[in-house]
Amino acid sequence: MKEKQEQGDWYDIIRRSDGKLIGSMPFESRCLVYTRNGMVSCRPLLEDEGIFNLSSGTRFLRRLGYHVNQPSDIMISTD
């Protein structure tokens, strides 16, 4: 049987600018942390949820058969 979690089994989210504790999450949990309009939110991920970043999203699209090209350094203005 797994022992009850102790205080040391948590991660704290600290804002660097002022050292304020923003939130905490269990050590063995998958959590989504994001900011929107200056508000920090943290919630546990559900079993069927996953997170895509640019790299994992690109790999996913390539596995589906899409060709993914890097953007050109020459950007044409539409103004």
N, C-alpha and C. Protein backbone atom coordinates (compact mmCIF):
# COMPACT_ATOMS: atom_id res chain seq x y z
N MET A 1 0.85 -1.17 0.00
CA MET A 1 0.00 0.00 0.00
C MET A 1 0.89 1.24 0.00
N LYS A 2 0.51 2.24 -0.77
CA LYS A 2 1.29 3.46 -0.86
C LYS A 2 1.06 4.33 0.38
N GLU A 3 2.17 4.87 0.89
CA GLU A 3 2.07 5.72 2.06
C GLU A 3 1.42 7.05 1.70
N LYS A 4 0.83 7.69 2.69
CA LYS A 4 0.20 9.00 2.50
C LYS A 4 1.26 10.01 2.09
N GLN A 5 0.93 10.91 1.13
CA GLN A 5 1.89 11.92 0.69
C GLN A 5 2.22 12.87 1.82
N GLU A 6 3.50 13.22 1.89
CA GLU A 6 3.96 14.17 2.89
C GLU A 6 4.07 15.54 2.25
N GLN A 7 4.37 16.55 3.04
CA GLN A 7 4.48 17.91 2.55
C GLN A 7 5.57 18.03 1.47
N GLY A 8 6.63 17.22 1.52
CA GLY A 8 7.71 17.29 0.56
C GLY A 8 7.36 16.71 -0.79
N ASP A 9 6.20 16.12 -0.96
CA ASP A 9 5.79 15.49 -2.21
C ASP A 9 5.02 16.43 -3.13
N TRP A 10 5.18 17.74 -2.95
CA TRP A 10 4.46 18.73 -3.75
C TRP A 10 5.45 19.68 -4.42
N TYR A 11 5.07 20.18 -5.59
CA TYR A 11 5.83 21.24 -6.25
C TYR A 11 5.11 22.56 -5.99
N ASP A 12 5.87 23.60 -5.70
CA ASP A 12 5.31 24.93 -5.56
C ASP A 12 5.65 25.75 -6.79
N ILE A 13 4.72 26.57 -7.23
CA ILE A 13 4.94 27.48 -8.35
C ILE A 13 5.14 28.87 -7.74
N ILE A 14 6.36 29.40 -7.92
CA ILE A 14 6.74 30.68 -7.31
C ILE A 14 6.97 31.71 -8.41
N ARG A 15 6.39 32.90 -8.27
CA ARG A 15 6.64 33.99 -9.21
C ARG A 15 7.99 34.61 -8.87
N ARG A 16 8.89 34.65 -9.85
CA ARG A 16 10.24 35.15 -9.61
C ARG A 16 10.28 36.62 -9.23
N SER A 17 9.43 37.43 -9.83
CA SER A 17 9.52 38.87 -9.62
C SER A 17 9.35 39.28 -8.15
N ASP A 18 8.47 38.59 -7.42
CA ASP A 18 8.25 38.98 -6.02
C ASP A 18 8.30 37.80 -5.05
N GLY A 19 8.58 36.59 -5.54
CA GLY A 19 8.68 35.43 -4.65
C GLY A 19 7.35 34.93 -4.13
N LYS A 20 6.24 35.39 -4.70
CA LYS A 20 4.91 34.99 -4.23
C LYS A 20 4.57 33.57 -4.67
N LEU A 21 3.99 32.80 -3.75
CA LEU A 21 3.53 31.45 -4.06
C LEU A 21 2.25 31.56 -4.89
N ILE A 22 2.30 31.04 -6.12
CA ILE A 22 1.16 31.12 -7.03
C ILE A 22 0.28 29.88 -6.92
N GLY A 23 0.89 28.72 -6.74
CA GLY A 23 0.12 27.49 -6.65
C GLY A 23 1.00 26.32 -6.27
N SER A 24 0.37 25.18 -6.03
CA SER A 24 1.07 23.94 -5.68
C SER A 24 0.41 22.79 -6.41
N MET A 25 1.22 21.76 -6.70
CA MET A 25 0.66 20.57 -7.35
C MET A 25 1.36 19.34 -6.82
N PRO A 26 0.66 18.20 -6.78
CA PRO A 26 1.26 16.96 -6.29
C PRO A 26 2.44 16.53 -7.16
N PHE A 27 3.42 15.90 -6.55
CA PHE A 27 4.63 15.47 -7.24
C PHE A 27 4.34 14.48 -8.35
N GLU A 28 3.45 13.53 -8.14
CA GLU A 28 3.20 12.47 -9.12
C GLU A 28 1.97 12.76 -9.98
N SER A 29 1.69 14.01 -10.22
CA SER A 29 0.50 14.37 -10.99
C SER A 29 0.90 15.12 -12.25
N ARG A 30 0.08 15.01 -13.30
CA ARG A 30 0.28 15.79 -14.53
C ARG A 30 -0.61 17.01 -14.44
N CYS A 31 -0.02 18.19 -14.51
CA CYS A 31 -0.79 19.42 -14.36
C CYS A 31 -0.55 20.34 -15.54
N LEU A 32 -1.57 21.10 -15.87
CA LEU A 32 -1.48 22.13 -16.88
C LEU A 32 -1.40 23.47 -16.17
N VAL A 33 -0.31 24.20 -16.43
CA VAL A 33 -0.13 25.53 -15.85
C VAL A 33 -0.06 26.51 -17.00
N TYR A 34 -0.88 27.56 -16.96
CA TYR A 34 -0.89 28.54 -18.03
C TYR A 34 -1.29 29.90 -17.48
N THR A 35 -1.00 30.94 -18.26
CA THR A 35 -1.42 32.29 -17.88
C THR A 35 -2.31 32.86 -18.97
N ARG A 36 -3.30 33.60 -18.57
CA ARG A 36 -4.19 34.29 -19.50
C ARG A 36 -4.57 35.62 -18.85
N ASN A 37 -4.27 36.71 -19.56
CA ASN A 37 -4.54 38.05 -19.05
C ASN A 37 -3.92 38.28 -17.67
N GLY A 38 -2.72 37.76 -17.47
CA GLY A 38 -2.02 37.96 -16.21
C GLY A 38 -2.46 37.04 -15.08
N MET A 39 -3.46 36.20 -15.30
CA MET A 39 -3.95 35.28 -14.27
C MET A 39 -3.34 33.90 -14.48
N VAL A 40 -2.70 33.35 -13.45
CA VAL A 40 -2.09 32.03 -13.54
C VAL A 40 -3.11 30.98 -13.12
N SER A 41 -3.24 29.94 -13.94
CA SER A 41 -4.16 28.84 -13.62
C SER A 41 -3.39 27.52 -13.61
N CYS A 42 -3.81 26.63 -12.75
CA CYS A 42 -3.18 25.31 -12.64
C CYS A 42 -4.29 24.31 -12.37
N ARG A 43 -4.32 23.26 -13.20
CA ARG A 43 -5.32 22.21 -12.97
C ARG A 43 -4.73 20.87 -13.37
N PRO A 44 -5.18 19.80 -12.75
CA PRO A 44 -4.68 18.47 -13.14
C PRO A 44 -5.20 18.08 -14.52
N LEU A 45 -4.38 17.38 -15.29
CA LEU A 45 -4.80 16.86 -16.58
C LEU A 45 -5.60 15.59 -16.36
N LEU A 46 -6.62 15.41 -17.17
CA LEU A 46 -7.41 14.18 -17.12
C LEU A 46 -6.65 13.08 -17.86
N GLU A 47 -7.04 11.84 -17.65
CA GLU A 47 -6.35 10.71 -18.28
C GLU A 47 -6.34 10.78 -19.79
N ASP A 48 -7.41 11.31 -20.39
CA ASP A 48 -7.50 11.34 -21.86
C ASP A 48 -6.98 12.64 -22.46
N GLU A 49 -6.37 13.51 -21.67
CA GLU A 49 -5.84 14.78 -22.16
C GLU A 49 -4.34 14.68 -22.39
N GLY A 50 -3.86 15.42 -23.37
CA GLY A 50 -2.43 15.52 -23.63
C GLY A 50 -2.11 16.94 -24.03
N ILE A 51 -0.85 17.29 -24.00
CA ILE A 51 -0.40 18.64 -24.34
C ILE A 51 0.44 18.58 -25.59
N PHE A 52 0.14 19.44 -26.55
CA PHE A 52 0.94 19.57 -27.76
C PHE A 52 1.72 20.87 -27.69
N ASN A 53 3.01 20.80 -27.97
CA ASN A 53 3.78 22.00 -28.23
C ASN A 53 4.09 21.99 -29.72
N LEU A 54 4.85 22.95 -30.20
CA LEU A 54 5.12 23.03 -31.63
C LEU A 54 5.81 21.77 -32.14
N SER A 55 6.76 21.26 -31.39
CA SER A 55 7.51 20.07 -31.82
C SER A 55 6.63 18.83 -31.87
N SER A 56 5.88 18.58 -30.81
CA SER A 56 5.03 17.37 -30.80
C SER A 56 3.89 17.49 -31.80
N GLY A 57 3.37 18.70 -32.00
CA GLY A 57 2.33 18.90 -33.00
C GLY A 57 2.82 18.64 -34.41
N THR A 58 4.05 19.08 -34.69
CA THR A 58 4.66 18.84 -36.00
C THR A 58 4.87 17.35 -36.24
N ARG A 59 5.38 16.64 -35.23
CA ARG A 59 5.57 15.18 -35.35
C ARG A 59 4.24 14.49 -35.61
N PHE A 60 3.20 14.90 -34.91
CA PHE A 60 1.87 14.32 -35.08
C PHE A 60 1.37 14.51 -36.52
N LEU A 61 1.50 15.73 -37.04
CA LEU A 61 1.05 16.00 -38.41
C LEU A 61 1.85 15.18 -39.43
N ARG A 62 3.15 15.02 -39.21
CA ARG A 62 3.97 14.22 -40.13
C ARG A 62 3.55 12.75 -40.10
N ARG A 63 3.21 12.24 -38.92
CA ARG A 63 2.74 10.85 -38.83
C ARG A 63 1.43 10.66 -39.57
N LEU A 64 0.62 11.71 -39.66
CA LEU A 64 -0.64 11.64 -40.40
C LEU A 64 -0.44 11.78 -41.90
N GLY A 65 0.81 12.08 -42.32
CA GLY A 65 1.10 12.18 -43.74
C GLY A 65 1.21 13.59 -44.29
N TYR A 66 1.09 14.58 -43.44
CA TYR A 66 1.21 15.97 -43.90
C TYR A 66 2.68 16.34 -44.07
N HIS A 67 2.97 17.23 -45.01
CA HIS A 67 4.30 17.82 -45.16
C HIS A 67 4.29 19.14 -44.42
N VAL A 68 5.17 19.28 -43.46
CA VAL A 68 5.24 20.51 -42.66
C VAL A 68 6.54 21.20 -43.01
N ASN A 69 6.45 22.42 -43.53
CA ASN A 69 7.62 23.21 -43.92
C ASN A 69 7.83 24.34 -42.94
N GLN A 70 9.10 24.66 -42.69
CA GLN A 70 9.42 25.80 -41.85
C GLN A 70 9.07 27.08 -42.60
N PRO A 71 8.66 28.12 -41.88
CA PRO A 71 8.33 29.36 -42.57
C PRO A 71 9.59 30.00 -43.17
N SER A 72 9.38 30.73 -44.23
CA SER A 72 10.49 31.42 -44.88
C SER A 72 10.94 32.59 -44.02
N ASP A 73 12.24 32.94 -44.15
CA ASP A 73 12.75 34.13 -43.45
C ASP A 73 12.22 35.41 -44.11
N ILE A 74 11.77 35.30 -45.35
CA ILE A 74 11.26 36.45 -46.07
C ILE A 74 9.75 36.49 -45.87
N MET A 75 9.31 37.45 -45.09
CA MET A 75 7.89 37.58 -44.79
C MET A 75 7.31 38.69 -45.68
N ILE A 76 6.27 38.38 -46.44
CA ILE A 76 5.64 39.35 -47.32
C ILE A 76 4.51 40.03 -46.56
N SER A 77 4.55 41.34 -46.50
CA SER A 77 3.53 42.11 -45.80
C SER A 77 2.23 42.09 -46.59
N THR A 78 1.11 41.99 -45.87
CA THR A 78 -0.20 42.02 -46.53
C THR A 78 -0.87 43.36 -46.37
N ASP A 79 -0.16 44.33 -45.80
CA ASP A 79 -0.73 45.68 -45.60
C ASP A 79 -0.76 46.46 -46.87
